[in-house]
Amino acid sequence: MATSNNVAGTVVKKVETFLKRIRKWDTEFLCVGKNAAEAFNVPKPEELIPRVTANLDYFCVNYAVCLALFALIAIVVYPQLLVLVCVFSGLWYVLLTRPNHIRVQLGAALITKRHMMYGLGGLNAMVVLVFYRMMIFATIGASLMFVLVHAGLHAVPVNAKGKLAEEEEPREQA
């Protein structure tokens, strides 16, 4: 029991440190109230990759929240995905709440909980990829396009410029 509390405590601490990296949505991420020219601009071709890299590092948690929001919107917009999520969530709940030592005799084979988890995972992936791939890939594409356009057009924040300069100095010395 003490081991599960320690694991839960470390997971909570990792999530807390991850969420502390969320940047301010209004002033930093969306640049509300700032000069539009200094907030969002088209970079020169040689500046694009370092800018995207610096912004992906600086706004990584904000981008993760945006990706989760895109997924949630897709689930609401496409009712088939909502049904899919509900059905497979129920199946996973039933399977994960079974004891670890459960075994099912299927003909001559003895199926363990791990086998059932692999089977349900394979079924889940097959159903998603065969029947809902267009919706899933369109959502992934739209969300990644949003992230890359934002990272490419957003000027590197002042707080992140130190990291960008530190990364370029060792390359010049080598």
Protein backbone atom coordinates (compact mmCIF):
# COMPACT_ATOMS: atom_id res chain seq x y z
CA MET A 1 0.00 0.00 0.00
CA ALA A 2 2.86 2.36 0.83
CA THR A 3 4.44 1.70 -2.58
CA SER A 4 1.30 2.76 -4.47
CA ASN A 5 1.12 5.95 -2.38
CA ASN A 6 4.76 6.71 -3.27
CA VAL A 7 4.08 6.11 -6.97
CA ALA A 8 0.96 8.27 -6.84
CA GLY A 9 2.91 10.98 -5.02
CA THR A 10 5.69 11.01 -7.61
CA VAL A 11 3.17 11.07 -10.48
CA VAL A 12 1.37 14.01 -8.86
CA LYS A 13 4.67 15.86 -8.41
CA LYS A 14 5.63 15.27 -12.05
CA VAL A 15 2.25 16.51 -13.24
CA GLU A 16 2.53 19.58 -11.00
CA THR A 17 5.99 20.45 -12.34
CA PHE A 18 4.73 19.89 -15.90
CA LEU A 19 1.72 22.16 -15.34
CA LYS A 20 3.89 24.88 -13.78
CA ARG A 21 5.41 25.34 -17.23
CA ILE A 22 2.10 26.66 -18.64
CA ARG A 23 2.74 30.15 -19.99
CA LYS A 24 0.19 32.93 -19.67
CA TRP A 25 -2.46 32.44 -22.32
CA ASP A 26 -3.37 36.07 -22.89
CA THR A 27 -0.08 37.96 -22.79
CA GLU A 28 2.52 35.38 -23.78
CA PHE A 29 0.78 32.77 -25.92
CA LEU A 30 -1.82 34.88 -27.75
CA CYS A 31 -0.02 38.24 -27.30
CA VAL A 32 -3.20 40.16 -26.46
CA GLY A 33 -2.38 43.83 -25.90
CA LYS A 34 1.08 43.65 -27.46
CA ASN A 35 2.23 45.23 -30.68
CA ALA A 36 1.25 42.81 -33.44
CA ALA A 37 4.54 43.32 -35.28
CA GLU A 38 6.62 42.19 -32.30
CA ALA A 39 4.29 39.35 -31.34
CA PHE A 40 3.58 37.61 -34.64
CA ASN A 41 5.65 38.13 -37.77
CA VAL A 42 6.92 36.17 -40.74
CA PRO A 43 10.51 35.06 -40.10
CA LYS A 44 13.32 34.89 -42.61
CA PRO A 45 13.92 31.35 -43.90
CA GLU A 46 17.13 30.91 -41.87
CA GLU A 47 15.33 32.02 -38.68
CA LEU A 48 12.40 29.62 -39.06
CA ILE A 49 13.84 26.39 -37.62
CA PRO A 50 15.47 28.00 -34.53
CA ARG A 51 12.27 29.99 -33.89
CA VAL A 52 10.03 26.93 -34.14
CA THR A 53 12.39 24.92 -31.93
CA ALA A 54 12.58 27.65 -29.28
CA ASN A 55 8.81 28.19 -29.28
CA LEU A 56 8.09 24.46 -29.12
CA ASP A 57 10.36 24.21 -26.08
CA TYR A 58 9.01 27.36 -24.41
CA PHE A 59 5.29 26.74 -25.06
CA CYS A 60 5.30 22.90 -24.93
CA VAL A 61 2.66 22.65 -22.19
CA ASN A 62 0.43 25.21 -23.87
CA TYR A 63 0.68 23.23 -27.11
CA ALA A 64 -0.19 20.01 -25.26
CA VAL A 65 -3.30 21.70 -23.85
CA CYS A 66 -4.21 22.90 -27.35
CA LEU A 67 -3.82 19.37 -28.75
CA ALA A 68 -6.05 18.00 -25.99
CA LEU A 69 -8.60 20.72 -26.76
CA PHE A 70 -8.54 19.79 -30.46
CA ALA A 71 -9.14 16.14 -29.52
CA LEU A 72 -12.02 17.08 -27.21
CA ILE A 73 -13.61 19.26 -29.89
CA ALA A 74 -13.29 16.44 -32.43
CA ILE A 75 -15.00 14.03 -30.05
CA VAL A 76 -17.88 16.46 -29.60
CA VAL A 77 -18.15 17.40 -33.30
CA TYR A 78 -18.09 13.79 -34.53
CA PRO A 79 -20.69 11.87 -32.50
CA GLN A 80 -19.27 8.57 -33.79
CA LEU A 81 -16.05 9.32 -31.93
CA LEU A 82 -18.04 10.02 -28.77
CA VAL A 83 -19.70 6.60 -29.05
CA LEU A 84 -16.31 5.01 -29.75
CA VAL A 85 -14.74 6.67 -26.71
CA CYS A 86 -17.63 5.67 -24.46
CA VAL A 87 -17.68 2.03 -25.62
CA PHE A 88 -13.94 1.50 -25.38
CA SER A 89 -13.70 3.42 -22.10
CA GLY A 90 -16.28 1.03 -20.66
CA LEU A 91 -14.41 -2.00 -21.97
CA TRP A 92 -11.09 -0.74 -20.59
CA TYR A 93 -12.73 0.04 -17.24
CA VAL A 94 -14.12 -3.50 -17.01
CA LEU A 95 -10.75 -5.01 -17.92
CA LEU A 96 -8.60 -2.82 -15.69
CA THR A 97 -10.79 -3.34 -12.62
CA ARG A 98 -10.34 -7.13 -12.78
CA PRO A 99 -7.74 -8.63 -10.42
CA ASN A 100 -4.23 -9.14 -11.81
CA HIS A 101 -4.33 -12.91 -11.33
CA ILE A 102 -7.46 -13.45 -13.46
CA ARG A 103 -7.20 -16.24 -16.00
CA VAL A 104 -9.74 -17.35 -18.59
CA GLN A 105 -9.72 -20.83 -20.12
CA LEU A 106 -10.36 -20.54 -23.89
CA GLY A 107 -10.22 -23.99 -25.38
CA ALA A 108 -6.76 -25.34 -24.62
CA ALA A 109 -5.27 -21.85 -24.09
CA LEU A 110 -5.09 -20.03 -20.76
CA ILE A 111 -5.65 -16.27 -21.29
CA THR A 112 -4.21 -13.91 -18.65
CA LYS A 113 -5.10 -10.30 -17.97
CA ARG A 114 -2.04 -9.16 -19.94
CA HIS A 115 -3.25 -11.13 -22.98
CA MET A 116 -6.68 -9.54 -22.65
CA MET A 117 -5.11 -6.08 -22.46
CA TYR A 118 -3.08 -6.73 -25.62
CA GLY A 119 -6.16 -8.06 -27.37
CA LEU A 120 -8.33 -5.09 -26.38
CA GLY A 121 -5.57 -2.69 -27.36
CA GLY A 122 -5.27 -4.35 -30.77
CA LEU A 123 -9.05 -4.30 -31.24
CA ASN A 124 -9.15 -0.66 -30.19
CA ALA A 125 -6.38 0.31 -32.64
CA MET A 126 -7.97 -1.72 -35.46
CA VAL A 127 -11.42 -0.16 -35.01
CA VAL A 128 -9.97 3.36 -34.81
CA LEU A 129 -7.71 2.94 -37.83
CA VAL A 130 -10.21 1.09 -40.03
CA PHE A 131 -13.42 3.00 -39.32
CA TYR A 132 -12.38 6.43 -38.00
CA ARG A 133 -8.97 7.09 -39.55
CA MET A 134 -10.10 10.08 -41.62
CA MET A 135 -11.55 11.91 -38.60
CA ILE A 136 -8.55 11.05 -36.42
CA PHE A 137 -5.91 12.01 -38.98
CA ALA A 138 -7.77 15.21 -39.94
CA THR A 139 -7.86 16.24 -36.29
CA ILE A 140 -4.18 15.39 -35.79
CA GLY A 141 -3.26 17.28 -38.97
CA ALA A 142 -5.26 20.37 -38.03
CA SER A 143 -3.86 20.47 -34.52
CA LEU A 144 -0.26 19.98 -35.66
CA MET A 145 -0.72 22.64 -38.34
CA PHE A 146 -1.99 25.04 -35.67
CA VAL A 147 1.02 24.30 -33.45
CA LEU A 148 3.58 24.69 -36.24
CA VAL A 149 2.01 27.88 -37.62
CA HIS A 150 1.89 29.40 -34.13
CA ALA A 151 5.47 28.35 -33.38
CA GLY A 152 6.67 29.68 -36.72
CA LEU A 153 4.91 33.04 -36.64
CA HIS A 154 5.24 33.82 -32.91
CA ALA A 155 8.35 35.78 -32.07
CA VAL A 156 10.66 34.00 -29.64
CA PRO A 157 9.74 35.27 -26.15
CA VAL A 158 12.36 37.25 -24.25
CA ASN A 159 12.54 34.57 -21.54
CA ALA A 160 13.35 31.91 -24.14
CA LYS A 161 15.94 33.94 -26.07
CA GLY A 162 18.61 33.11 -23.47
CA LYS A 163 18.12 29.41 -24.17
CA LEU A 164 18.35 30.01 -27.91
CA ALA A 165 21.59 31.98 -27.55
CA GLU A 166 23.09 29.33 -25.23
CA GLU A 167 22.34 26.63 -27.80
CA GLU A 168 23.99 28.56 -30.65
CA GLU A 169 27.21 29.44 -28.75
CA PRO A 170 28.56 25.85 -28.41
CA ARG A 171 27.95 25.24 -32.13
CA GLU A 172 30.01 28.31 -33.05
CA GLN A 173 32.89 27.29 -30.76
CA ALA A 174 33.08 23.74 -32.19
